[in-house]
Structures are given as structure tokens and as C-alpha cells.
């Protein structure tokens, strides 16, 4: 178990570069997505659709279950699940 943990925790330089690019894209898209939100009108699913279009345009595929990626859940009771038609409030 420890050997597997150590093996998975060490990244090759190429893997680090991929992770840096993924983080940069995610941060950029997140800011762009925030700019599309109209409080009281936009839903979590609207934001997820926006982000999914960004992924498709960039040629990025899902890293986990497609129906839960991207995971957009707003509000104090947010969690990890698929995006819903919950309206994003101020």
C-alpha cells in the first residue's frame, strides 16, 4: 500500500506541466463562468453547460463521470453531485 501511494504521489515533469495547464484552464474558465451568472436567473446547470462547451472547444475530456463533470453546485448546501436547475442566488 505504501509503495503504491509513493508511486502515485511522484509526478514526472511532463505530468506536472499537464497539471499546470489544467489548473490554468480551470481557473480561467471559472472566472469566465462567474461573469455569465445573473443572480436569481442563472442555474447551476447553465454554468455547467457553459463549462462543458469550453471543455469541448479545447478538446478536454471528462476526468470522472460525465454527468458529474463539471461539478457546479451553488449555495450553502452544495456538495458533490451532478449540476441541477437550482437557481444561483446573490
PDB file of N, CA and C in Angstrom:
ATOM      1  N   UNK A   1       0.817  -1.193   0.000  1.00  0.00           N
ATOM      2  CA  UNK A   1       0.000   0.000   0.000  1.00  0.00           C
ATOM      3  C   UNK A   1       0.864   1.262   0.000  1.00  0.00           C
ATOM      4  N   UNK A   2       1.883   1.289   0.825  1.00  0.00           N
ATOM      5  CA  UNK A   2       2.773   2.457   0.884  1.00  0.00           C
ATOM      6  C   UNK A   2       3.527   2.636  -0.430  1.00  0.00           C
ATOM      7  N   UNK A   3       3.950   1.537  -1.041  1.00  0.00           N
ATOM      8  CA  UNK A   3       4.661   1.620  -2.321  1.00  0.00           C
ATOM      9  C   UNK A   3       3.752   2.231  -3.394  1.00  0.00           C
ATOM     10  N   UNK A   4       2.516   1.803  -3.435  1.00  0.00           N
ATOM     11  CA  UNK A   4       1.564   2.336  -4.409  1.00  0.00           C
ATOM     12  C   UNK A   4       1.334   3.824  -4.140  1.00  0.00           C
ATOM     13  N   UNK A   5       1.165   4.194  -2.898  1.00  0.00           N
ATOM     14  CA  UNK A   5       0.964   5.595  -2.532  1.00  0.00           C
ATOM     15  C   UNK A   5       2.150   6.439  -2.993  1.00  0.00           C
ATOM     16  N   UNK A   6       3.344   5.979  -2.720  1.00  0.00           N
ATOM     17  CA  UNK A   6       4.545   6.720  -3.112  1.00  0.00           C
ATOM     18  C   UNK A   6       4.651   6.815  -4.633  1.00  0.00           C
ATOM     19  N   UNK A   7       4.343   5.724  -5.320  1.00  0.00           N
ATOM     20  CA  UNK A   7       4.415   5.707  -6.783  1.00  0.00           C
ATOM     21  C   UNK A   7       3.435   6.719  -7.378  1.00  0.00           C
ATOM     22  N   UNK A   8       2.213   6.771  -6.852  1.00  0.00           N
ATOM     23  CA  UNK A   8       1.205   7.696  -7.360  1.00  0.00           C
ATOM     24  C   UNK A   8       1.494   9.146  -6.991  1.00  0.00           C
ATOM     25  N   UNK A   9       2.214   9.376  -5.907  1.00  0.00           N
ATOM     26  CA  UNK A   9       2.453  10.739  -5.443  1.00  0.00           C
ATOM     27  C   UNK A   9       3.588  11.439  -6.186  1.00  0.00           C
ATOM     28  N   UNK A  10       4.413  10.694  -6.878  1.00  0.00           N
ATOM     29  CA  UNK A  10       5.533  11.277  -7.612  1.00  0.00           C
ATOM     30  C   UNK A  10       5.108  11.535  -9.051  1.00  0.00           C
ATOM     31  N   UNK A  11       5.272  12.767  -9.486  1.00  0.00           N
ATOM     32  CA  UNK A  11       4.885  13.145 -10.841  1.00  0.00           C
ATOM     33  C   UNK A  11       6.126  13.399 -11.699  1.00  0.00           C
ATOM     34  N   UNK A  12       6.039  12.949 -12.932  1.00  0.00           N
ATOM     35  CA  UNK A  12       7.089  13.231 -13.903  1.00  0.00           C
ATOM     36  C   UNK A  12       6.976  14.696 -14.328  1.00  0.00           C
ATOM     37  N   UNK A  13       8.056  15.298 -14.809  1.00  0.00           N
ATOM     38  CA  UNK A  13       7.985  16.689 -15.271  1.00  0.00           C
ATOM     39  C   UNK A  13       6.872  16.913 -16.295  1.00  0.00           C
ATOM     40  N   UNK A  14       6.670  15.981 -17.198  1.00  0.00           N
ATOM     41  CA  UNK A  14       5.599  16.123 -18.204  1.00  0.00           C
ATOM     42  C   UNK A  14       4.226  16.125 -17.531  1.00  0.00           C
ATOM     43  N   UNK A  15       4.050  15.305 -16.490  1.00  0.00           N
ATOM     44  CA  UNK A  15       2.780  15.273 -15.769  1.00  0.00           C
ATOM     45  C   UNK A  15       2.540  16.590 -15.028  1.00  0.00           C
ATOM     46  N   UNK A  16       3.604  17.150 -14.471  1.00  0.00           N
ATOM     47  CA  UNK A  16       3.493  18.425 -13.762  1.00  0.00           C
ATOM     48  C   UNK A  16       3.052  19.518 -14.740  1.00  0.00           C
ATOM     49  N   UNK A  17       3.609  19.529 -15.933  1.00  0.00           N
ATOM     50  CA  UNK A  17       3.225  20.524 -16.935  1.00  0.00           C
ATOM     51  C   UNK A  17       1.765  20.379 -17.342  1.00  0.00           C
ATOM     52  N   UNK A  18       1.310  19.151 -17.503  1.00  0.00           N
ATOM     53  CA  UNK A  18      -0.101  18.901 -17.826  1.00  0.00           C
ATOM     54  C   UNK A  18      -0.988  19.420 -16.698  1.00  0.00           C
ATOM     55  N   UNK A  19      -0.605  19.161 -15.465  1.00  0.00           N
ATOM     56  CA  UNK A  19      -1.393  19.613 -14.317  1.00  0.00           C
ATOM     57  C   UNK A  19      -1.411  21.137 -14.224  1.00  0.00           C
ATOM     58  N   UNK A  20      -0.291  21.780 -14.532  1.00  0.00           N
ATOM     59  CA  UNK A  20      -0.241  23.244 -14.528  1.00  0.00           C
ATOM     60  C   UNK A  20      -1.176  23.820 -15.589  1.00  0.00           C
ATOM     61  N   UNK A  21      -1.171  23.232 -16.777  1.00  0.00           N
ATOM     62  CA  UNK A  21      -2.046  23.698 -17.844  1.00  0.00           C
ATOM     63  C   UNK A  21      -3.509  23.484 -17.466  1.00  0.00           C
ATOM     64  N   UNK A  22      -3.812  22.340 -16.889  1.00  0.00           N
ATOM     65  CA  UNK A  22      -5.190  22.058 -16.468  1.00  0.00           C
ATOM     66  C   UNK A  22      -5.646  23.061 -15.410  1.00  0.00           C
ATOM     67  N   UNK A  23      -4.778  23.380 -14.470  1.00  0.00           N
ATOM     68  CA  UNK A  23      -5.126  24.346 -13.426  1.00  0.00           C
ATOM     69  C   UNK A  23      -5.350  25.733 -14.017  1.00  0.00           C
ATOM     70  N   UNK A  24      -4.513  26.120 -14.986  1.00  0.00           N
ATOM     71  CA  UNK A  24      -4.657  27.418 -15.630  1.00  0.00           C
ATOM     72  C   UNK A  24      -5.968  27.501 -16.398  1.00  0.00           C
ATOM     73  N   UNK A  25      -6.289  26.456 -17.169  1.00  0.00           N
ATOM     74  CA  UNK A  25      -7.555  26.430 -17.898  1.00  0.00           C
ATOM     75  C   UNK A  25      -8.744  26.481 -16.938  1.00  0.00           C
ATOM     76  N   UNK A  26      -8.678  25.690 -15.894  1.00  0.00           N
ATOM     77  CA  UNK A  26      -9.777  25.654 -14.914  1.00  0.00           C
ATOM     78  C   UNK A  26      -9.995  27.020 -14.278  1.00  0.00           C
ATOM     79  N   UNK A  27      -8.932  27.685 -13.886  1.00  0.00           N
ATOM     80  CA  UNK A  27      -9.046  28.997 -13.247  1.00  0.00           C
ATOM     81  C   UNK A  27      -9.607  30.030 -14.224  1.00  0.00           C
ATOM     82  N   UNK A  28      -9.111  30.014 -15.450  1.00  0.00           N
ATOM     83  CA  UNK A  28      -9.586  30.952 -16.469  1.00  0.00           C
ATOM     84  C   UNK A  28     -11.063  30.738 -16.754  1.00  0.00           C
ATOM     85  N   UNK A  29     -11.451  29.498 -16.959  1.00  0.00           N
ATOM     86  CA  UNK A  29     -12.848  29.181 -17.267  1.00  0.00           C
ATOM     87  C   UNK A  29     -13.761  29.493 -16.094  1.00  0.00           C
ATOM     88  N   UNK A  30     -13.272  29.280 -14.882  1.00  0.00           N
ATOM     89  CA  UNK A  30     -14.081  29.566 -13.703  1.00  0.00           C
ATOM     90  C   UNK A  30     -14.404  31.059 -13.648  1.00  0.00           C
ATOM     91  N   UNK A  31     -13.425  31.906 -13.886  1.00  0.00           N
ATOM     92  CA  UNK A  31     -13.651  33.355 -13.887  1.00  0.00           C
ATOM     93  C   UNK A  31     -14.616  33.733 -15.012  1.00  0.00           C
ATOM     94  N   UNK A  32     -14.429  33.150 -16.194  1.00  0.00           N
ATOM     95  CA  UNK A  32     -15.336  33.414 -17.314  1.00  0.00           C
ATOM     96  C   UNK A  32     -16.764  32.969 -16.980  1.00  0.00           C
ATOM     97  N   UNK A  33     -16.885  31.831 -16.334  1.00  0.00           N
ATOM     98  CA  UNK A  33     -18.213  31.315 -15.960  1.00  0.00           C
ATOM     99  C   UNK A  33     -18.884  32.243 -14.956  1.00  0.00           C
ATOM    100  N   UNK A  34     -18.126  32.748 -13.972  1.00  0.00           N
ATOM    101  CA  UNK A  34     -18.699  33.668 -12.987  1.00  0.00           C
ATOM    102  C   UNK A  34     -19.285  34.899 -13.669  1.00  0.00           C
ATOM    103  N   UNK A  35     -18.635  35.362 -14.730  1.00  0.00           N
ATOM    104  CA  UNK A  35     -19.091  36.559 -15.438  1.00  0.00           C
ATOM    105  C   UNK A  35     -20.414  36.340 -16.176  1.00  0.00           C
ATOM    106  N   UNK A  36     -20.794  35.087 -16.408  1.00  0.00           N
ATOM    107  CA  UNK A  36     -22.057  34.798 -17.106  1.00  0.00           C
ATOM    108  C   UNK A  36     -23.244  34.713 -16.160  1.00  0.00           C
ATOM    109  N   UNK A  37     -22.987  34.670 -14.877  1.00  0.00           N
ATOM    110  CA  UNK A  37     -24.052  34.442 -13.899  1.00  0.00           C
ATOM    111  C   UNK A  37     -24.882  35.700 -13.675  1.00  0.00           C
ATOM    112  N   UNK A  38     -26.187  35.512 -13.773  1.00  0.00           N
ATOM    113  CA  UNK A  38     -27.149  36.554 -13.408  1.00  0.00           C
ATOM    114  C   UNK A  38     -27.877  36.020 -12.173  1.00  0.00           C
ATOM    115  N   UNK A  39     -27.555  36.572 -10.979  1.00  0.00           N
ATOM    116  CA  UNK A  39     -28.190  36.076  -9.755  1.00  0.00           C
ATOM    117  C   UNK A  39     -29.715  36.115  -9.863  1.00  0.00           C
ATOM    118  N   UNK A  40     -30.329  35.029  -9.405  1.00  0.00           N
ATOM    119  CA  UNK A  40     -31.779  34.910  -9.450  1.00  0.00           C
ATOM    120  C   UNK A  40     -32.305  34.366 -10.769  1.00  0.00           C
ATOM    121  N   UNK A  41     -31.409  34.143 -11.750  1.00  0.00           N
ATOM    122  CA  UNK A  41     -31.821  33.643 -13.055  1.00  0.00           C
ATOM    123  C   UNK A  41     -30.986  32.440 -13.514  1.00  0.00           C
ATOM    124  N   UNK A  42     -29.676  32.571 -13.455  1.00  0.00           N
ATOM    125  CA  UNK A  42     -28.772  31.513 -13.925  1.00  0.00           C
ATOM    126  C   UNK A  42     -28.822  30.317 -12.989  1.00  0.00           C
ATOM    127  N   UNK A  43     -28.816  29.112 -13.560  1.00  0.00           N
ATOM    128  CA  UNK A  43     -28.820  27.891 -12.751  1.00  0.00           C
ATOM    129  C   UNK A  43     -27.438  27.253 -12.717  1.00  0.00           C
ATOM    130  N   UNK A  44     -27.260  26.355 -11.783  1.00  0.00           N
ATOM    131  CA  UNK A  44     -26.021  25.576 -11.729  1.00  0.00           C
ATOM    132  C   UNK A  44     -25.811  24.847 -13.053  1.00  0.00           C
ATOM    133  N   UNK A  45     -26.905  24.305 -13.608  1.00  0.00           N
ATOM    134  CA  UNK A  45     -26.818  23.572 -14.881  1.00  0.00           C
ATOM    135  C   UNK A  45     -26.400  24.488 -16.031  1.00  0.00           C
ATOM    136  N   UNK A  46     -26.816  25.763 -16.000  1.00  0.00           N
ATOM    137  CA  UNK A  46     -26.390  26.716 -17.026  1.00  0.00           C
ATOM    138  C   UNK A  46     -24.871  26.894 -16.999  1.00  0.00           C
ATOM    139  N   UNK A  47     -24.336  27.026 -15.802  1.00  0.00           N
ATOM    140  CA  UNK A  47     -22.889  27.211 -15.655  1.00  0.00           C
ATOM    141  C   UNK A  47     -22.157  25.940 -16.092  1.00  0.00           C
ATOM    142  N   UNK A  48     -22.687  24.784 -15.720  1.00  0.00           N
ATOM    143  CA  UNK A  48     -22.077  23.514 -16.128  1.00  0.00           C
ATOM    144  C   UNK A  48     -22.073  23.389 -17.651  1.00  0.00           C
ATOM    145  N   UNK A  49     -23.171  23.794 -18.285  1.00  0.00           N
ATOM    146  CA  UNK A  49     -23.256  23.745 -19.754  1.00  0.00           C
ATOM    147  C   UNK A  49     -22.213  24.667 -20.383  1.00  0.00           C
ATOM    148  N   UNK A  50     -22.047  25.856 -19.826  1.00  0.00           N
ATOM    149  CA  UNK A  50     -21.029  26.796 -20.297  1.00  0.00           C
ATOM    150  C   UNK A  50     -19.640  26.167 -20.209  1.00  0.00           C
ATOM    151  N   UNK A  51     -19.347  25.567 -19.059  1.00  0.00           N
ATOM    152  CA  UNK A  51     -18.034  24.955 -18.851  1.00  0.00           C
ATOM    153  C   UNK A  51     -17.836  23.732 -19.744  1.00  0.00           C
ATOM    154  N   UNK A  52     -18.881  22.946 -19.948  1.00  0.00           N
ATOM    155  CA  UNK A  52     -18.788  21.758 -20.818  1.00  0.00           C
ATOM    156  C   UNK A  52     -18.455  22.196 -22.249  1.00  0.00           C
ATOM    157  N   UNK A  53     -19.047  23.320 -22.692  1.00  0.00           N
ATOM    158  CA  UNK A  53     -18.745  23.844 -24.031  1.00  0.00           C
ATOM    159  C   UNK A  53     -17.283  24.267 -24.123  1.00  0.00           C
ATOM    160  N   UNK A  54     -16.757  24.875 -23.067  1.00  0.00           N
ATOM    161  CA  UNK A  54     -15.337  25.262 -23.030  1.00  0.00           C
ATOM    162  C   UNK A  54     -14.461  24.018 -23.142  1.00  0.00           C
ATOM    163  N   UNK A  55     -14.828  22.975 -22.412  1.00  0.00           N
ATOM    164  CA  UNK A  55     -14.063  21.727 -22.452  1.00  0.00           C
ATOM    165  C   UNK A  55     -14.056  21.150 -23.861  1.00  0.00           C
ATOM    166  N   UNK A  56     -15.228  21.122 -24.491  1.00  0.00           N
ATOM    167  CA  UNK A  56     -15.340  20.558 -25.834  1.00  0.00           C
ATOM    168  C   UNK A  56     -14.500  21.356 -26.825  1.00  0.00           C
ATOM    169  N   UNK A  57     -14.579  22.686 -26.750  1.00  0.00           N
ATOM    170  CA  UNK A  57     -13.818  23.539 -27.664  1.00  0.00           C
ATOM    171  C   UNK A  57     -12.310  23.341 -27.506  1.00  0.00           C
ATOM    172  N   UNK A  58     -11.880  23.049 -26.293  1.00  0.00           N
ATOM    173  CA  UNK A  58     -10.455  22.853 -26.013  1.00  0.00           C
ATOM    174  C   UNK A  58     -10.018  21.411 -26.274  1.00  0.00           C
ATOM    175  N   UNK A  59     -10.986  20.515 -26.480  1.00  0.00           N
ATOM    176  CA  UNK A  59     -10.652  19.114 -26.694  1.00  0.00           C
ATOM    177  C   UNK A  59     -10.328  18.380 -25.406  1.00  0.00           C
ATOM    178  N   UNK A  60     -10.881  18.885 -24.298  1.00  0.00           N
ATOM    179  CA  UNK A  60     -10.650  18.288 -22.980  1.00  0.00           C
ATOM    180  C   UNK A  60     -11.773  17.304 -22.690  1.00  0.00           C
ATOM    181  N   UNK A  61     -11.431  16.140 -22.181  1.00  0.00           N
ATOM    182  CA  UNK A  61     -12.434  15.132 -21.847  1.00  0.00           C
ATOM    183  C   UNK A  61     -12.658  15.086 -20.343  1.00  0.00           C
ATOM    184  N   UNK A  62     -13.683  14.364 -19.947  1.00  0.00           N
ATOM    185  CA  UNK A  62     -14.028  14.246 -18.536  1.00  0.00           C
ATOM    186  C   UNK A  62     -12.987  13.431 -17.776  1.00  0.00           C
ATOM    187  N   UNK A  63     -12.714  13.884 -16.554  1.00  0.00           N
ATOM    188  CA  UNK A  63     -11.781  13.173 -15.689  1.00  0.00           C
ATOM    189  C   UNK A  63     -12.508  12.202 -14.765  1.00  0.00           C
ATOM    190  N   UNK A  64     -13.820  12.321 -14.712  1.00  0.00           N
ATOM    191  CA  UNK A  64     -14.652  11.409 -13.915  1.00  0.00           C
ATOM    192  C   UNK A  64     -16.008  11.319 -14.599  1.00  0.00           C
ATOM    193  N   UNK A  65     -17.010  10.819 -13.945  1.00  0.00           N
ATOM    194  CA  UNK A  65     -18.319  10.586 -14.557  1.00  0.00           C
ATOM    195  C   UNK A  65     -18.819  11.834 -15.283  1.00  0.00           C
ATOM    196  N   UNK A  66     -19.139  11.692 -16.558  1.00  0.00           N
ATOM    197  CA  UNK A  66     -19.531  12.824 -17.397  1.00  0.00           C
ATOM    198  C   UNK A  66     -20.736  13.577 -16.848  1.00  0.00           C
ATOM    199  N   UNK A  67     -21.678  12.885 -16.202  1.00  0.00           N
ATOM    200  CA  UNK A  67     -22.866  13.568 -15.688  1.00  0.00           C
ATOM    201  C   UNK A  67     -22.570  14.383 -14.429  1.00  0.00           C
ATOM    202  N   UNK A  68     -21.385  14.208 -13.857  1.00  0.00           N
ATOM    203  CA  UNK A  68     -20.985  14.973 -12.678  1.00  0.00           C
ATOM    204  C   UNK A  68     -19.824  15.917 -12.981  1.00  0.00           C
ATOM    205  N   UNK A  69     -19.485  16.072 -14.252  1.00  0.00           N
ATOM    206  CA  UNK A  69     -18.354  16.898 -14.638  1.00  0.00           C
ATOM    207  C   UNK A  69     -18.769  17.859 -15.733  1.00  0.00           C
ATOM    208  N   UNK A  70     -18.629  19.159 -15.552  1.00  0.00           N
ATOM    209  CA  UNK A  70     -18.091  19.788 -14.341  1.00  0.00           C
ATOM    210  C   UNK A  70     -19.128  19.805 -13.222  1.00  0.00           C
ATOM    211  N   UNK A  71     -18.640  19.763 -12.013  1.00  0.00           N
ATOM    212  CA  UNK A  71     -19.493  19.765 -10.842  1.00  0.00           C
ATOM    213  C   UNK A  71     -19.772  21.211 -10.455  1.00  0.00           C
ATOM    214  N   UNK A  72     -20.983  21.670 -10.651  1.00  0.00           N
ATOM    215  CA  UNK A  72     -21.367  23.040 -10.305  1.00  0.00           C
ATOM    216  C   UNK A  72     -22.524  22.962  -9.330  1.00  0.00           C
ATOM    217  N   UNK A  73     -22.264  23.320  -8.096  1.00  0.00           N
ATOM    218  CA  UNK A  73     -23.282  23.322  -7.049  1.00  0.00           C
ATOM    219  C   UNK A  73     -23.114  24.589  -6.235  1.00  0.00           C
ATOM    220  N   UNK A  74     -24.116  25.453  -6.251  1.00  0.00           N
ATOM    221  CA  UNK A  74     -24.046  26.719  -5.529  1.00  0.00           C
ATOM    222  C   UNK A  74     -24.813  26.648  -4.215  1.00  0.00           C
ATOM    223  N   UNK A  75     -24.560  27.630  -3.368  1.00  0.00           N
ATOM    224  CA  UNK A  75     -25.300  27.762  -2.118  1.00  0.00           C
ATOM    225  C   UNK A  75     -24.638  27.068  -0.960  1.00  0.00           C
ATOM    226  N   UNK A  76     -25.178  27.300   0.234  1.00  0.00           N
ATOM    227  CA  UNK A  76     -24.577  26.751   1.444  1.00  0.00           C
ATOM    228  C   UNK A  76     -24.698  25.235   1.565  1.00  0.00           C
ATOM    229  N   UNK A  77     -25.640  24.626   0.848  1.00  0.00           N
ATOM    230  CA  UNK A  77     -25.846  23.179   0.944  1.00  0.00           C
ATOM    231  C   UNK A  77     -25.230  22.442  -0.243  1.00  0.00           C
ATOM    232  N   UNK A  78     -24.266  23.084  -0.900  1.00  0.00           N
ATOM    233  CA  UNK A  78     -23.672  22.458  -2.075  1.00  0.00           C
ATOM    234  C   UNK A  78     -22.889  21.209  -1.671  1.00  0.00           C
ATOM    235  N   UNK A  79     -22.710  20.337  -2.643  1.00  0.00           N
ATOM    236  CA  UNK A  79     -21.966  19.112  -2.396  1.00  0.00           C
ATOM    237  C   UNK A  79     -21.413  18.594  -3.699  1.00  0.00           C
ATOM    238  N   UNK A  80     -21.066  17.362  -3.735  1.00  0.00           N
ATOM    239  CA  UNK A  80     -20.508  16.748  -4.932  1.00  0.00           C
ATOM    240  C   UNK A  80     -21.562  15.867  -5.583  1.00  0.00           C
ATOM    241  N   UNK A  81     -22.136  16.372  -6.646  1.00  0.00           N
ATOM    242  CA  UNK A  81     -23.117  15.618  -7.409  1.00  0.00           C
ATOM    243  C   UNK A  81     -23.287  16.305  -8.750  1.00  0.00           C
ATOM    244  N   UNK A  82     -24.200  15.831  -9.547  1.00  0.00           N
ATOM    245  CA  UNK A  82     -24.445  16.469 -10.832  1.00  0.00           C
ATOM    246  C   UNK A  82     -25.075  17.849 -10.622  1.00  0.00           C
ATOM    247  N   UNK A  83     -24.885  18.726 -11.600  1.00  0.00           N
ATOM    248  CA  UNK A  83     -25.476  20.060 -11.535  1.00  0.00           C
ATOM    249  C   UNK A  83     -26.980  19.960 -11.743  1.00  0.00           C
ATOM    250  N   UNK A  84     -27.710  20.819 -11.064  1.00  0.00           N
ATOM    251  CA  UNK A  84     -29.164  20.797 -11.144  1.00  0.00           C
ATOM    252  C   UNK A  84     -29.681  22.134 -11.686  1.00  0.00           C
ATOM    253  N   UNK A  85     -30.974  22.274 -11.738  1.00  0.00           N
ATOM    254  CA  UNK A  85     -31.597  23.528 -12.166  1.00  0.00           C
ATOM    255  C   UNK A  85     -31.786  24.494 -11.011  1.00  0.00           C
ATOM    256  N   UNK A  86     -31.025  24.314  -9.967  1.00  0.00           N
ATOM    257  CA  UNK A  86     -31.071  25.229  -8.812  1.00  0.00           C
ATOM    258  C   UNK A  86     -30.603  26.600  -9.277  1.00  0.00           C
ATOM    259  N   UNK A  87     -31.380  27.629  -8.972  1.00  0.00           N
ATOM    260  CA  UNK A  87     -31.054  28.994  -9.362  1.00  0.00           C
ATOM    261  C   UNK A  87     -29.997  29.558  -8.409  1.00  0.00           C
ATOM    262  N   UNK A  88     -28.998  30.182  -8.987  1.00  0.00           N
ATOM    263  CA  UNK A  88     -27.922  30.782  -8.205  1.00  0.00           C
ATOM    264  C   UNK A  88     -28.414  32.123  -7.662  1.00  0.00           C
ATOM    265  N   UNK A  89     -28.367  32.262  -6.360  1.00  0.00           N
ATOM    266  CA  UNK A  89     -28.862  33.470  -5.703  1.00  0.00           C
ATOM    267  C   UNK A  89     -27.688  34.345  -5.268  1.00  0.00           C
ATOM    268  N   UNK A  90     -27.958  35.646  -5.066  1.00  0.00           N
ATOM    269  CA  UNK A  90     -26.874  36.549  -4.616  1.00  0.00           C
ATOM    270  C   UNK A  90     -26.309  36.102  -3.279  1.00  0.00           C
TER     271      UNK A  90
END
